[in-house]
Amino acid sequence: MGTINFEFFKVKTGSVDGARAHFEEMIQDLVGVIHPDFSTLEANPGDWGIDAYVGSLVHGDVNVWQSKYFIDEFGKSQQAQIRDAYDQALACAEREGYTLSTWTLCIPRNLDGPNEKWWTDWKKKKEKADGVKIALWNQAQLRRLLLSEDAAHIRNYYFNPTATLPDPVYRPTATLTDFDQYDGALFVRQMRHAGMFECDDAKEEFFNAEILSHEVTDKAVTEELEALERSKSELGSLWAQRFNVACQTNPSGPLIGLYLDVMNAVREHHPKLPSSIRSGLVHAFGMVHQRVNDGRAGWARDYRAVAREHFQSAGPGKVPTESTASVDETDTSAGGDQND
């Protein structure tokens, strides 16, 4: 038996469409473990919004399972597809004269915080408005089902290691030739202010993140733009959490180890970044430096004061970010030592 990894379906079938159909078949088989009397519908021309169902389509109560192979990312586009799928299932039930009793969405991933909140809010509203019980089989739930003794044969069938997963496809890393061009950048100043004077690798990381940002922005694909912003927000949260802990741990001295803690967290989180932007680890490190360069992060307690001074010395052509502009004068004296 192979590892339960739903990316495997793309390799096993040779395409995303094939993986989507394979995932749908797996959902039907899992439903069959719980409800041996389940059935499904062939698309002719539509499938009534049903991938698997239990109940009677002739004036009866019907429980429906709907699969969506959202493997690479989950954002507004996927939310819209979920709403459309549910509306279709409800409309078909009303049109054909049966009652939609439960509707279960099946996806091969877990939701992050904002999307989990969206799902909970949407589910609550729909259940109240339509009287339908709505459930979610996410990656964690599907894994539990597949690991059950009753589903052993399904697990072996779908995850038999007949193929190996390829390494994720990341964009190439560009080589920076002119390191001096970033000597006056804020992210370099913040590193040196915190006592870190070897900055060439950081410069190359920043350089690659800038290339990534420009390419995604120039293409202007909505899902990629959203994925990039979500990636930067997630990495920013990693920095903020560790910055707060470092400040609490050492209320007055330098924040020794903060840089390493943040970059280790980025390294661990990197595989979870959306695959659509093809961000390599170097690009992920660089996105943290971008945030520092915008004045929204730093490596010393008084990073806001350093950023404000930097923007003021840059002249009127450089507009500080909101977080930097809103810093009051008390932040300037937050640390007297250069590394504080």
C-alpha atoms as a PDB file:
ATOM      1  CA  MET A   1       0.000   0.000   0.000  1.00  0.00           C
ATOM      2  CA  GLY A   2       1.246   3.488  -0.845  1.00  0.00           C
ATOM      3  CA  THR A   3       1.024   6.689   1.116  1.00  0.00           C
ATOM      4  CA  ILE A   4      -2.381   8.394   1.117  1.00  0.00           C
ATOM      5  CA  ASN A   5      -1.559  11.348  -1.111  1.00  0.00           C
ATOM      6  CA  PHE A   6      -4.233  12.637  -3.470  1.00  0.00           C
ATOM      7  CA  GLU A   7      -1.576  14.247  -5.721  1.00  0.00           C
ATOM      8  CA  PHE A   8      -0.823  10.642  -6.672  1.00  0.00           C
ATOM      9  CA  PHE A   9      -4.017  10.534  -8.728  1.00  0.00           C
ATOM     10  CA  LYS A  10      -2.563  12.984 -11.275  1.00  0.00           C
ATOM     11  CA  VAL A  11       0.454  10.729 -11.758  1.00  0.00           C
ATOM     12  CA  LYS A  12      -1.577   7.536 -11.795  1.00  0.00           C
ATOM     13  CA  THR A  13      -4.045   8.747 -14.431  1.00  0.00           C
ATOM     14  CA  GLY A  14      -1.740  11.099 -16.345  1.00  0.00           C
ATOM     15  CA  SER A  15      -3.882  14.225 -16.144  1.00  0.00           C
ATOM     16  CA  VAL A  16      -5.881  16.481 -13.865  1.00  0.00           C
ATOM     17  CA  ASP A  17      -9.116  15.411 -15.568  1.00  0.00           C
ATOM     18  CA  GLY A  18      -8.213  11.787 -15.012  1.00  0.00           C
ATOM     19  CA  ALA A  19      -7.383  12.496 -11.381  1.00  0.00           C
ATOM     20  CA  ARG A  20     -10.718  14.249 -10.939  1.00  0.00           C
ATOM     21  CA  ALA A  21     -12.618  11.228 -12.279  1.00  0.00           C
ATOM     22  CA  HIS A  22     -10.496   8.862 -10.154  1.00  0.00           C
ATOM     23  CA  PHE A  23     -11.209  10.921  -7.040  1.00  0.00           C
ATOM     24  CA  GLU A  24     -14.941  10.833  -7.789  1.00  0.00           C
ATOM     25  CA  GLU A  25     -14.825   7.043  -8.115  1.00  0.00           C
ATOM     26  CA  MET A  26     -12.981   6.771  -4.800  1.00  0.00           C
ATOM     27  CA  ILE A  27     -15.675   8.865  -3.096  1.00  0.00           C
ATOM     28  CA  GLN A  28     -18.356   6.570  -4.484  1.00  0.00           C
ATOM     29  CA  ASP A  29     -16.499   3.535  -3.156  1.00  0.00           C
ATOM     30  CA  LEU A  30     -16.070   5.117   0.292  1.00  0.00           C
ATOM     31  CA  VAL A  31     -19.764   5.957   0.431  1.00  0.00           C
ATOM     32  CA  GLY A  32     -20.405   2.326  -0.457  1.00  0.00           C
ATOM     33  CA  VAL A  33     -18.456   1.198   2.608  1.00  0.00           C
ATOM     34  CA  ILE A  34     -20.802   3.158   4.865  1.00  0.00           C
ATOM     35  CA  HIS A  35     -23.956   2.710   2.775  1.00  0.00           C
ATOM     36  CA  PRO A  36     -23.857  -0.484   0.660  1.00  0.00           C
ATOM     37  CA  ASP A  37     -27.149   0.565  -0.947  1.00  0.00           C
ATOM     38  CA  PHE A  38     -25.695   3.741  -2.463  1.00  0.00           C
ATOM     39  CA  SER A  39     -26.078   4.587  -6.143  1.00  0.00           C
ATOM     40  CA  THR A  40     -24.902   7.184  -8.657  1.00  0.00           C
ATOM     41  CA  LEU A  41     -26.068   8.810 -11.885  1.00  0.00           C
ATOM     42  CA  GLU A  42     -24.513   8.945 -15.334  1.00  0.00           C
ATOM     43  CA  ALA A  43     -24.255  12.383 -16.903  1.00  0.00           C
ATOM     44  CA  ASN A  44     -27.053  12.532 -19.500  1.00  0.00           C
ATOM     45  CA  PRO A  45     -26.542  15.397 -20.121  1.00  0.00           C
ATOM     46  CA  GLY A  46     -26.093  16.375 -16.446  1.00  0.00           C
ATOM     47  CA  ASP A  47     -25.732  14.312 -13.299  1.00  0.00           C
ATOM     48  CA  TRP A  48     -28.269  16.352 -11.258  1.00  0.00           C
ATOM     49  CA  GLY A  49     -25.426  17.523  -9.045  1.00  0.00           C
ATOM     50  CA  ILE A  50     -24.950  13.977  -7.671  1.00  0.00           C
ATOM     51  CA  ASP A  51     -21.739  11.942  -7.546  1.00  0.00           C
ATOM     52  CA  ALA A  52     -23.165   9.421  -5.086  1.00  0.00           C
ATOM     53  CA  TYR A  53     -26.501   9.202  -3.303  1.00  0.00           C
ATOM     54  CA  VAL A  54     -28.510   7.153  -0.849  1.00  0.00           C
ATOM     55  CA  GLY A  55     -32.304   7.232  -0.879  1.00  0.00           C
ATOM     56  CA  SER A  56     -35.141   7.371  -3.359  1.00  0.00           C
ATOM     57  CA  LEU A  57     -35.295   9.808  -6.273  1.00  0.00           C
ATOM     58  CA  VAL A  58     -39.029   9.149  -6.499  1.00  0.00           C
ATOM     59  CA  HIS A  59     -40.583  11.552  -3.989  1.00  0.00           C
ATOM     60  CA  GLY A  60     -38.212  10.386  -1.259  1.00  0.00           C
ATOM     61  CA  ASP A  61     -35.423  11.748   0.942  1.00  0.00           C
ATOM     62  CA  VAL A  62     -32.002  11.685  -0.680  1.00  0.00           C
ATOM     63  CA  ASN A  63     -28.494  12.026   0.801  1.00  0.00           C
ATOM     64  CA  VAL A  64     -26.006  13.374  -1.749  1.00  0.00           C
ATOM     65  CA  TRP A  65     -22.181  13.331  -1.924  1.00  0.00           C
ATOM     66  CA  GLN A  66     -20.438  15.775  -4.247  1.00  0.00           C
ATOM     67  CA  SER A  67     -16.712  15.504  -5.036  1.00  0.00           C
ATOM     68  CA  LYS A  68     -14.499  18.420  -6.040  1.00  0.00           C
ATOM     69  CA  TYR A  69     -10.843  17.685  -6.839  1.00  0.00           C
ATOM     70  CA  PHE A  70      -9.464  20.954  -5.434  1.00  0.00           C
ATOM     71  CA  ILE A  71      -5.891  19.734  -5.060  1.00  0.00           C
ATOM     72  CA  ASP A  72      -3.737  22.771  -5.879  1.00  0.00           C
ATOM     73  CA  GLU A  73      -5.468  25.658  -4.157  1.00  0.00           C
ATOM     74  CA  PHE A  74      -8.663  26.866  -2.563  1.00  0.00           C
ATOM     75  CA  GLY A  75      -9.903  30.423  -3.005  1.00  0.00           C
ATOM     76  CA  LYS A  76     -12.821  32.452  -4.271  1.00  0.00           C
ATOM     77  CA  SER A  77     -13.095  30.473  -7.506  1.00  0.00           C
ATOM     78  CA  GLN A  78     -13.440  27.209  -5.588  1.00  0.00           C
ATOM     79  CA  GLN A  79     -15.938  28.796  -3.205  1.00  0.00           C
ATOM     80  CA  ALA A  80     -18.049  29.807  -6.199  1.00  0.00           C
ATOM     81  CA  GLN A  81     -17.903  26.267  -7.614  1.00  0.00           C
ATOM     82  CA  ILE A  82     -19.103  24.868  -4.285  1.00  0.00           C
ATOM     83  CA  ARG A  83     -22.031  27.285  -4.178  1.00  0.00           C
ATOM     84  CA  ASP A  84     -22.953  26.396  -7.768  1.00  0.00           C
ATOM     85  CA  ALA A  85     -22.760  22.651  -7.086  1.00  0.00           C
ATOM     86  CA  TYR A  86     -24.995  22.900  -4.034  1.00  0.00           C
ATOM     87  CA  ASP A  87     -27.494  25.143  -5.840  1.00  0.00           C
ATOM     88  CA  GLN A  88     -27.622  22.665  -8.716  1.00  0.00           C
ATOM     89  CA  ALA A  89     -28.286  19.738  -6.361  1.00  0.00           C
ATOM     90  CA  LEU A  90     -31.036  21.677  -4.577  1.00  0.00           C
ATOM     91  CA  ALA A  91     -32.622  22.862  -7.836  1.00  0.00           C
ATOM     92  CA  CYS A  92     -32.634  19.322  -9.291  1.00  0.00           C
ATOM     93  CA  ALA A  93     -34.278  17.967  -6.138  1.00  0.00           C
ATOM     94  CA  GLU A  94     -37.050  20.563  -6.365  1.00  0.00           C
ATOM     95  CA  ARG A  95     -37.482  19.993 -10.099  1.00  0.00           C
ATOM     96  CA  GLU A  96     -37.560  16.185  -9.900  1.00  0.00           C
ATOM     97  CA  GLY A  97     -39.764  15.997  -6.798  1.00  0.00           C
ATOM     98  CA  TYR A  98     -37.457  14.447  -4.197  1.00  0.00           C
ATOM     99  CA  THR A  99     -36.110  16.005  -0.996  1.00  0.00           C
ATOM    100  CA  LEU A 100     -32.439  16.842  -0.580  1.00  0.00           C
ATOM    101  CA  SER A 101     -31.880  15.700   2.997  1.00  0.00           C
ATOM    102  CA  THR A 102     -28.084  15.932   3.317  1.00  0.00           C
ATOM    103  CA  TRP A 103     -25.353  17.289   1.045  1.00  0.00           C
ATOM    104  CA  THR A 104     -21.721  16.307   1.674  1.00  0.00           C
ATOM    105  CA  LEU A 105     -18.826  18.013  -0.084  1.00  0.00           C
ATOM    106  CA  CYS A 106     -15.696  15.875  -0.586  1.00  0.00           C
ATOM    107  CA  ILE A 107     -12.345  17.600  -1.262  1.00  0.00           C
ATOM    108  CA  PRO A 108      -8.754  16.273  -1.113  1.00  0.00           C
ATOM    109  CA  ARG A 109      -7.425  19.069   1.112  1.00  0.00           C
ATOM    110  CA  ASN A 110      -7.937  20.745   4.469  1.00  0.00           C
ATOM    111  CA  LEU A 111      -9.108  24.351   4.623  1.00  0.00           C
ATOM    112  CA  ASP A 112      -7.055  27.161   6.086  1.00  0.00           C
ATOM    113  CA  GLY A 113      -8.483  29.540   8.687  1.00  0.00           C
ATOM    114  CA  PRO A 114     -10.204  32.095   6.400  1.00  0.00           C
ATOM    115  CA  ASN A 115     -11.692  29.401   4.148  1.00  0.00           C
ATOM    116  CA  GLU A 116     -12.800  27.324   7.124  1.00  0.00           C
ATOM    117  CA  LYS A 117     -14.609  30.411   8.421  1.00  0.00           C
ATOM    118  CA  TRP A 118     -16.201  30.966   5.001  1.00  0.00           C
ATOM    119  CA  TRP A 119     -17.357  27.324   4.882  1.00  0.00           C
ATOM    120  CA  THR A 120     -18.822  27.446   8.398  1.00  0.00           C
ATOM    121  CA  ASP A 121     -20.702  30.694   7.708  1.00  0.00           C
ATOM    122  CA  TRP A 122     -22.005  29.510   4.318  1.00  0.00           C
ATOM    123  CA  LYS A 123     -23.010  26.105   5.722  1.00  0.00           C
ATOM    124  CA  LYS A 124     -24.902  27.690   8.623  1.00  0.00           C
ATOM    125  CA  LYS A 125     -26.814  30.061   6.340  1.00  0.00           C
ATOM    126  CA  LYS A 126     -27.747  27.355   3.838  1.00  0.00           C
ATOM    127  CA  GLU A 127     -28.838  24.856   6.472  1.00  0.00           C
ATOM    128  CA  LYS A 128     -31.094  27.477   8.044  1.00  0.00           C
ATOM    129  CA  ALA A 129     -32.525  28.662   4.717  1.00  0.00           C
ATOM    130  CA  ASP A 130     -32.983  25.282   2.992  1.00  0.00           C
ATOM    131  CA  GLY A 131     -33.342  22.738   5.785  1.00  0.00           C
ATOM    132  CA  VAL A 132     -30.529  20.634   4.325  1.00  0.00           C
ATOM    133  CA  LYS A 133     -27.858  19.115   6.559  1.00  0.00           C
ATOM    134  CA  ILE A 134     -24.460  20.001   5.025  1.00  0.00           C
ATOM    135  CA  ALA A 135     -21.193  18.209   5.808  1.00  0.00           C
ATOM    136  CA  LEU A 136     -17.559  18.265   4.661  1.00  0.00           C
ATOM    137  CA  TRP A 137     -15.278  15.333   3.942  1.00  0.00           C
ATOM    138  CA  ASN A 138     -11.899  17.063   3.790  1.00  0.00           C
ATOM    139  CA  GLN A 139      -8.441  15.522   3.572  1.00  0.00           C
ATOM    140  CA  ALA A 140      -8.378  14.619   7.266  1.00  0.00           C
ATOM    141  CA  GLN A 141     -11.814  12.976   7.189  1.00  0.00           C
ATOM    142  CA  LEU A 142     -11.047  11.072   3.983  1.00  0.00           C
ATOM    143  CA  ARG A 143      -7.806   9.839   5.501  1.00  0.00           C
ATOM    144  CA  ARG A 144      -9.665   8.547   8.569  1.00  0.00           C
ATOM    145  CA  LEU A 145     -12.161   6.748   6.373  1.00  0.00           C
ATOM    146  CA  LEU A 146      -9.449   5.216   4.183  1.00  0.00           C
ATOM    147  CA  LEU A 147      -7.477   3.996   7.195  1.00  0.00           C
ATOM    148  CA  SER A 148     -10.470   2.152   8.632  1.00  0.00           C
ATOM    149  CA  GLU A 149     -10.415  -1.623   8.464  1.00  0.00           C
ATOM    150  CA  ASP A 150     -13.537  -1.730   6.309  1.00  0.00           C
ATOM    151  CA  ALA A 151     -11.892   0.467   3.670  1.00  0.00           C
ATOM    152  CA  ALA A 152      -8.604  -1.446   3.422  1.00  0.00           C
ATOM    153  CA  HIS A 153      -9.436  -2.812  -0.037  1.00  0.00           C
ATOM    154  CA  ILE A 154     -10.274   0.695  -1.300  1.00  0.00           C
ATOM    155  CA  ARG A 155      -7.062   2.107   0.153  1.00  0.00           C
ATOM    156  CA  ASN A 156      -5.000  -0.615  -1.526  1.00  0.00           C
ATOM    157  CA  TYR A 157      -6.724  -0.135  -4.854  1.00  0.00           C
ATOM    158  CA  TYR A 158      -6.371   3.640  -5.091  1.00  0.00           C
ATOM    159  CA  PHE A 159      -2.957   4.084  -3.463  1.00  0.00           C
ATOM    160  CA  ASN A 160      -1.073   1.059  -4.706  1.00  0.00           C
ATOM    161  CA  PRO A 161       2.393   2.488  -5.492  1.00  0.00           C
ATOM    162  CA  THR A 162       2.441   1.704  -9.197  1.00  0.00           C
ATOM    163  CA  ALA A 163       3.955   5.139  -9.858  1.00  0.00           C
ATOM    164  CA  THR A 164       6.031   7.594  -7.909  1.00  0.00           C
ATOM    165  CA  LEU A 165       5.157  11.202  -7.297  1.00  0.00           C
ATOM    166  CA  PRO A 166       7.415  13.660  -9.149  1.00  0.00           C
ATOM    167  CA  ASP A 167       9.033  16.496  -7.328  1.00  0.00           C
ATOM    168  CA  PRO A 168       6.891  19.655  -7.319  1.00  0.00           C
ATOM    169  CA  VAL A 169       7.567  21.934 -10.282  1.00  0.00           C
ATOM    170  CA  TYR A 170       9.076  25.174  -8.982  1.00  0.00           C
ATOM    171  CA  ARG A 171      10.106  28.179 -11.029  1.00  0.00           C
ATOM    172  CA  PRO A 172      13.859  28.417 -11.690  1.00  0.00           C
ATOM    173  CA  THR A 173      16.079  30.430  -9.374  1.00  0.00           C
ATOM    174  CA  ALA A 174      17.797  33.406 -10.971  1.00  0.00           C
ATOM    175  CA  THR A 175      21.378  34.369 -10.105  1.00  0.00           C
ATOM    176  CA  LEU A 176      21.935  37.889  -8.826  1.00  0.00           C
ATOM    177  CA  THR A 177      25.082  39.436 -10.344  1.00  0.00           C
ATOM    178  CA  ASP A 178      24.947  42.945  -8.887  1.00  0.00           C
ATOM    179  CA  PHE A 179      24.679  42.580  -5.118  1.00  0.00           C
ATOM    180  CA  ASP A 180      25.497  46.248  -4.546  1.00  0.00           C
ATOM    181  CA  GLN A 181      22.164  47.363  -6.017  1.00  0.00           C
ATOM    182  CA  TYR A 182      20.415  46.385  -2.779  1.00  0.00           C
ATOM    183  CA  ASP A 183      22.871  47.940  -0.335  1.00  0.00           C
ATOM    184  CA  GLY A 184      20.462  50.809   0.317  1.00  0.00           C
ATOM    185  CA  ALA A 185      17.364  48.617   0.597  1.00  0.00           C
ATOM    186  CA  LEU A 186      15.410  48.590   3.848  1.00  0.00           C
ATOM    187  CA  PHE A 187      15.529  44.793   4.234  1.00  0.00           C
ATOM    188  CA  VAL A 188      19.356  44.959   4.186  1.00  0.00           C
ATOM    189  CA  ARG A 189      19.359  47.873   6.623  1.00  0.00           C
ATOM    190  CA  GLN A 190      17.097  45.902   8.983  1.00  0.00           C
ATOM    191  CA  MET A 191      19.433  42.919   8.906  1.00  0.00           C
ATOM    192  CA  ARG A 192      22.489  45.039   9.646  1.00  0.00           C
ATOM    193  CA  HIS A 193      20.631  46.916  12.368  1.00  0.00           C
ATOM    194  CA  ALA A 194      20.008  43.539  14.045  1.00  0.00           C
ATOM    195  CA  GLY A 195      23.681  42.616  13.819  1.00  0.00           C
ATOM    196  CA  MET A 196      23.562  40.425  10.687  1.00  0.00           C
ATOM    197  CA  PHE A 197      26.145  41.634   8.181  1.00  0.00           C
ATOM    198  CA  GLU A 198      26.285  38.749   5.695  1.00  0.00           C
ATOM    199  CA  CYS A 199      23.383  39.731   3.443  1.00  0.00           C
ATOM    200  CA  ASP A 200      24.260  38.459  -0.042  1.00  0.00           C
ATOM    201  CA  ASP A 201      22.034  35.369   0.181  1.00  0.00           C
ATOM    202  CA  ALA A 202      19.162  37.532   1.429  1.00  0.00           C
ATOM    203  CA  LYS A 203      19.695  39.885  -1.512  1.00  0.00           C
ATOM    204  CA  GLU A 204      19.449  36.982  -3.974  1.00  0.00           C
ATOM    205  CA  GLU A 205      16.330  35.680  -2.221  1.00  0.00           C
ATOM    206  CA  PHE A 206      14.728  39.130  -2.417  1.00  0.00           C
ATOM    207  CA  PHE A 207      15.752  39.389  -6.094  1.00  0.00           C
ATOM    208  CA  ASN A 208      13.999  36.108  -6.936  1.00  0.00           C
ATOM    209  CA  ALA A 209      10.872  37.046  -4.986  1.00  0.00           C
ATOM    210  CA  GLU A 210      10.705  40.296  -6.951  1.00  0.00           C
ATOM    211  CA  ILE A 211      10.878  38.359 -10.231  1.00  0.00           C
ATOM    212  CA  LEU A 212       8.079  36.068  -9.040  1.00  0.00           C
ATOM    213  CA  SER A 213       5.905  39.019  -7.990  1.00  0.00           C
ATOM    214  CA  HIS A 214       6.427  40.866 -11.272  1.00  0.00           C
ATOM    215  CA  GLU A 215       5.683  37.797 -13.392  1.00  0.00           C
ATOM    216  CA  VAL A 216       2.475  36.983 -11.504  1.00  0.00           C
ATOM    217  CA  THR A 217       1.382  40.638 -11.590  1.00  0.00           C
ATOM    218  CA  ASP A 218       2.119  40.994 -15.307  1.00  0.00           C
ATOM    219  CA  LYS A 219       0.124  37.841 -16.155  1.00  0.00           C
ATOM    220  CA  ALA A 220      -2.772  39.181 -14.049  1.00  0.00           C
ATOM    221  CA  VAL A 221      -4.418  35.775 -13.602  1.00  0.00           C
ATOM    222  CA  THR A 222      -6.883  36.260 -10.762  1.00  0.00           C
ATOM    223  CA  GLU A 223      -6.241  32.912  -9.060  1.00  0.00           C
ATOM    224  CA  GLU A 224      -2.463  33.391  -9.227  1.00  0.00           C
ATOM    225  CA  LEU A 225      -2.722  36.922  -7.850  1.00  0.00           C
ATOM    226  CA  GLU A 226      -4.850  35.651  -4.969  1.00  0.00           C
ATOM    227  CA  ALA A 227      -2.425  32.779  -4.363  1.00  0.00           C
ATOM    228  CA  LEU A 228       0.520  35.180  -4.230  1.00  0.00           C
ATOM    229  CA  GLU A 229      -1.204  37.495  -1.757  1.00  0.00           C
ATOM    230  CA  ARG A 230      -2.257  34.540   0.361  1.00  0.00           C
ATOM    231  CA  SER A 231       1.314  33.222   0.374  1.00  0.00           C
ATOM    232  CA  LYS A 232       2.701  36.564   1.497  1.00  0.00           C
ATOM    233  CA  SER A 233       0.085  36.842   4.235  1.00  0.00           C
ATOM    234  CA  GLU A 234       0.834  33.332   5.515  1.00  0.00           C
ATOM    235  CA  LEU A 235       4.577  34.022   5.590  1.00  0.00           C
ATOM    236  CA  GLY A 236       3.931  37.354   7.293  1.00  0.00           C
ATOM    237  CA  SER A 237       1.961  35.564   9.981  1.00  0.00           C
ATOM    238  CA  LEU A 238       4.882  33.193  10.561  1.00  0.00           C
ATOM    239  CA  TRP A 239       7.128  36.198  11.178  1.00  0.00           C
ATOM    240  CA  ALA A 240       4.582  37.985  13.452  1.00  0.00           C
ATOM    241  CA  GLN A 241       4.046  34.951  15.675  1.00  0.00           C
ATOM    242  CA  ARG A 242       7.761  34.441  16.224  1.00  0.00           C
ATOM    243  CA  PHE A 243       8.474  38.142  16.653  1.00  0.00           C
ATOM    244  CA  ASN A 244       5.903  38.344  19.460  1.00  0.00           C
ATOM    245  CA  VAL A 245       7.337  35.274  21.177  1.00  0.00           C
ATOM    246  CA  ALA A 246      10.881  36.649  20.876  1.00  0.00           C
ATOM    247  CA  CYS A 247       9.803  39.965  22.427  1.00  0.00           C
ATOM    248  CA  GLN A 248       8.075  38.177  25.306  1.00  0.00           C
ATOM    249  CA  THR A 249      11.022  35.855  25.883  1.00  0.00           C
ATOM    250  CA  ASN A 250      13.532  38.718  26.039  1.00  0.00           C
ATOM    251  CA  PRO A 251      11.700  41.929  27.029  1.00  0.00           C
ATOM    252  CA  SER A 252      14.723  44.220  26.783  1.00  0.00           C
ATOM    253  CA  GLY A 253      17.614  42.599  24.911  1.00  0.00           C
ATOM    254  CA  PRO A 254      18.280  41.786  21.247  1.00  0.00           C
ATOM    255  CA  LEU A 255      16.005  39.256  19.561  1.00  0.00           C
ATOM    256  CA  ILE A 256      18.706  36.668  19.023  1.00  0.00           C
ATOM    257  CA  GLY A 257      17.550  33.717  16.960  1.00  0.00           C
ATOM    258  CA  LEU A 258      14.469  35.430  15.500  1.00  0.00           C
ATOM    259  CA  TYR A 259      15.786  35.366  11.931  1.00  0.00           C
ATOM    260  CA  LEU A 260      16.649  31.659  12.117  1.00  0.00           C
ATOM    261  CA  ASP A 261      13.320  30.771  13.763  1.00  0.00           C
ATOM    262  CA  VAL A 262      11.350  32.582  11.057  1.00  0.00           C
ATOM    263  CA  MET A 263      13.278  31.084   8.152  1.00  0.00           C
ATOM    264  CA  ASN A 264      13.004  27.586   9.622  1.00  0.00           C
ATOM    265  CA  ALA A 265       9.240  28.112   9.876  1.00  0.00           C
ATOM    266  CA  VAL A 266       9.166  29.265   6.238  1.00  0.00           C
ATOM    267  CA  ARG A 267      11.117  26.155   5.216  1.00  0.00           C
ATOM    268  CA  GLU A 268       8.597  23.938   6.994  1.00  0.00           C
ATOM    269  CA  HIS A 269       5.597  25.811   5.591  1.00  0.00           C
ATOM    270  CA  HIS A 270       6.924  26.046   2.034  1.00  0.00           C
ATOM    271  CA  PRO A 271       5.315  22.806   0.701  1.00  0.00           C
ATOM    272  CA  LYS A 272       1.917  24.178   1.741  1.00  0.00           C
ATOM    273  CA  LEU A 273       2.182  27.283  -0.451  1.00  0.00           C
ATOM    274  CA  PRO A 274      -0.129  27.271  -3.524  1.00  0.00           C
ATOM    275  CA  SER A 275       1.457  25.348  -6.391  1.00  0.00           C
ATOM    276  CA  SER A 276       0.023  27.756  -8.981  1.00  0.00           C
ATOM    277  CA  ILE A 277       2.748  30.372  -8.352  1.00  0.00           C
ATOM    278  CA  ARG A 278       5.523  27.705  -8.382  1.00  0.00           C
ATOM    279  CA  SER A 279       7.366  29.335  -5.510  1.00  0.00           C
ATOM    280  CA  GLY A 280      10.671  27.671  -4.678  1.00  0.00           C
ATOM    281  CA  LEU A 281      12.121  27.896  -1.194  1.00  0.00           C
ATOM    282  CA  VAL A 282      14.387  30.766  -2.245  1.00  0.00           C
ATOM    283  CA  HIS A 283      11.329  32.699  -3.446  1.00  0.00           C
ATOM    284  CA  ALA A 284       9.551  32.024  -0.137  1.00  0.00           C
ATOM    285  CA  PHE A 285      12.526  33.372   1.828  1.00  0.00           C
ATOM    286  CA  GLY A 286      12.510  36.355  -0.495  1.00  0.00           C
ATOM    287  CA  MET A 287       8.842  37.089   0.196  1.00  0.00           C
ATOM    288  CA  VAL A 288       9.732  37.538   3.865  1.00  0.00           C
ATOM    289  CA  HIS A 289      12.427  40.038   2.855  1.00  0.00           C
ATOM    290  CA  GLN A 290       9.847  41.814   0.697  1.00  0.00           C
ATOM    291  CA  ARG A 291       7.641  42.245   3.743  1.00  0.00           C
ATOM    292  CA  VAL A 292      10.591  43.630   5.700  1.00  0.00           C
ATOM    293  CA  ASN A 293      11.373  45.945   2.780  1.00  0.00           C
ATOM    294  CA  ASP A 294       7.816  47.292   2.925  1.00  0.00           C
ATOM    295  CA  GLY A 295       8.299  48.195   6.587  1.00  0.00           C
ATOM    296  CA  ARG A 296       5.884  45.531   7.809  1.00  0.00           C
ATOM    297  CA  ALA A 297       8.444  43.320   9.560  1.00  0.00           C
ATOM    298  CA  GLY A 298      11.974  43.381  10.899  1.00  0.00           C
ATOM    299  CA  TRP A 299      14.578  41.599  12.978  1.00  0.00           C
ATOM    300  CA  ALA A 300      14.896  43.965  15.933  1.00  0.00           C
ATOM    301  CA  ARG A 301      12.387  45.218  18.439  1.00  0.00           C
ATOM    302  CA  ASP A 302      12.511  48.781  17.077  1.00  0.00           C
ATOM    303  CA  TYR A 303      12.145  47.775  13.411  1.00  0.00           C
ATOM    304  CA  ARG A 304       9.335  50.316  12.947  1.00  0.00           C
ATOM    305  CA  ALA A 305      11.589  53.193  13.933  1.00  0.00           C
ATOM    306  CA  VAL A 306      14.265  51.929  11.536  1.00  0.00           C
ATOM    307  CA  ALA A 307      11.706  51.714   8.741  1.00  0.00           C
ATOM    308  CA  ARG A 308      10.318  55.177   9.450  1.00  0.00           C
ATOM    309  CA  GLU A 309      13.775  56.710   9.390  1.00  0.00           C
ATOM    310  CA  HIS A 310      14.522  54.882   6.151  1.00  0.00           C
ATOM    311  CA  PHE A 311      11.384  56.145   4.436  1.00  0.00           C
ATOM    312  CA  GLN A 312      11.904  59.687   5.669  1.00  0.00           C
ATOM    313  CA  SER A 313      15.481  59.742   4.394  1.00  0.00           C
ATOM    314  CA  ALA A 314      14.328  58.347   1.038  1.00  0.00           C
ATOM    315  CA  GLY A 315      12.330  61.527   0.423  1.00  0.00           C
ATOM    316  CA  PRO A 316       8.763  62.177  -0.772  1.00  0.00           C
ATOM    317  CA  GLY A 317       9.021  59.676  -3.604  1.00  0.00           C
ATOM    318  CA  LYS A 318       8.943  56.780  -1.160  1.00  0.00           C
ATOM    319  CA  VAL A 319       5.567  56.232   0.469  1.00  0.00           C
ATOM    320  CA  PRO A 320       5.705  54.251   3.740  1.00  0.00           C
ATOM    321  CA  THR A 321       3.251  51.465   4.362  1.00  0.00           C
ATOM    322  CA  GLU A 322       0.280  52.006   6.651  1.00  0.00           C
ATOM    323  CA  SER A 323       1.863  49.983   9.447  1.00  0.00           C
ATOM    324  CA  THR A 324       5.014  52.114   9.318  1.00  0.00           C
ATOM    325  CA  ALA A 325       3.219  55.431   8.938  1.00  0.00           C
ATOM    326  CA  SER A 326       1.036  54.767  11.982  1.00  0.00           C
ATOM    327  CA  VAL A 327       3.925  54.194  14.407  1.00  0.00           C
ATOM    328  CA  ASP A 328       3.945  56.782  17.196  1.00  0.00           C
ATOM    329  CA  GLU A 329       7.015  58.415  18.671  1.00  0.00           C
ATOM    330  CA  THR A 330       7.256  55.946  21.550  1.00  0.00           C
ATOM    331  CA  ASP A 331       8.478  53.306  19.121  1.00  0.00           C
ATOM    332  CA  THR A 332      11.586  55.344  18.311  1.00  0.00           C
ATOM    333  CA  SER A 333      12.941  54.783  21.794  1.00  0.00           C
ATOM    334  CA  ALA A 334      11.825  51.160  22.070  1.00  0.00           C
ATOM    335  CA  GLY A 335      15.451  50.024  22.115  1.00  0.00           C
ATOM    336  CA  GLY A 336      18.560  52.063  22.810  1.00  0.00           C
ATOM    337  CA  ASP A 337      21.031  49.409  21.708  1.00  0.00           C
ATOM    338  CA  GLN A 338      21.504  48.919  17.952  1.00  0.00           C
ATOM    339  CA  ASN A 339      20.580  45.277  18.225  1.00  0.00           C
ATOM    340  CA  ASP A 340      17.649  45.856  20.616  1.00  0.00           C
END
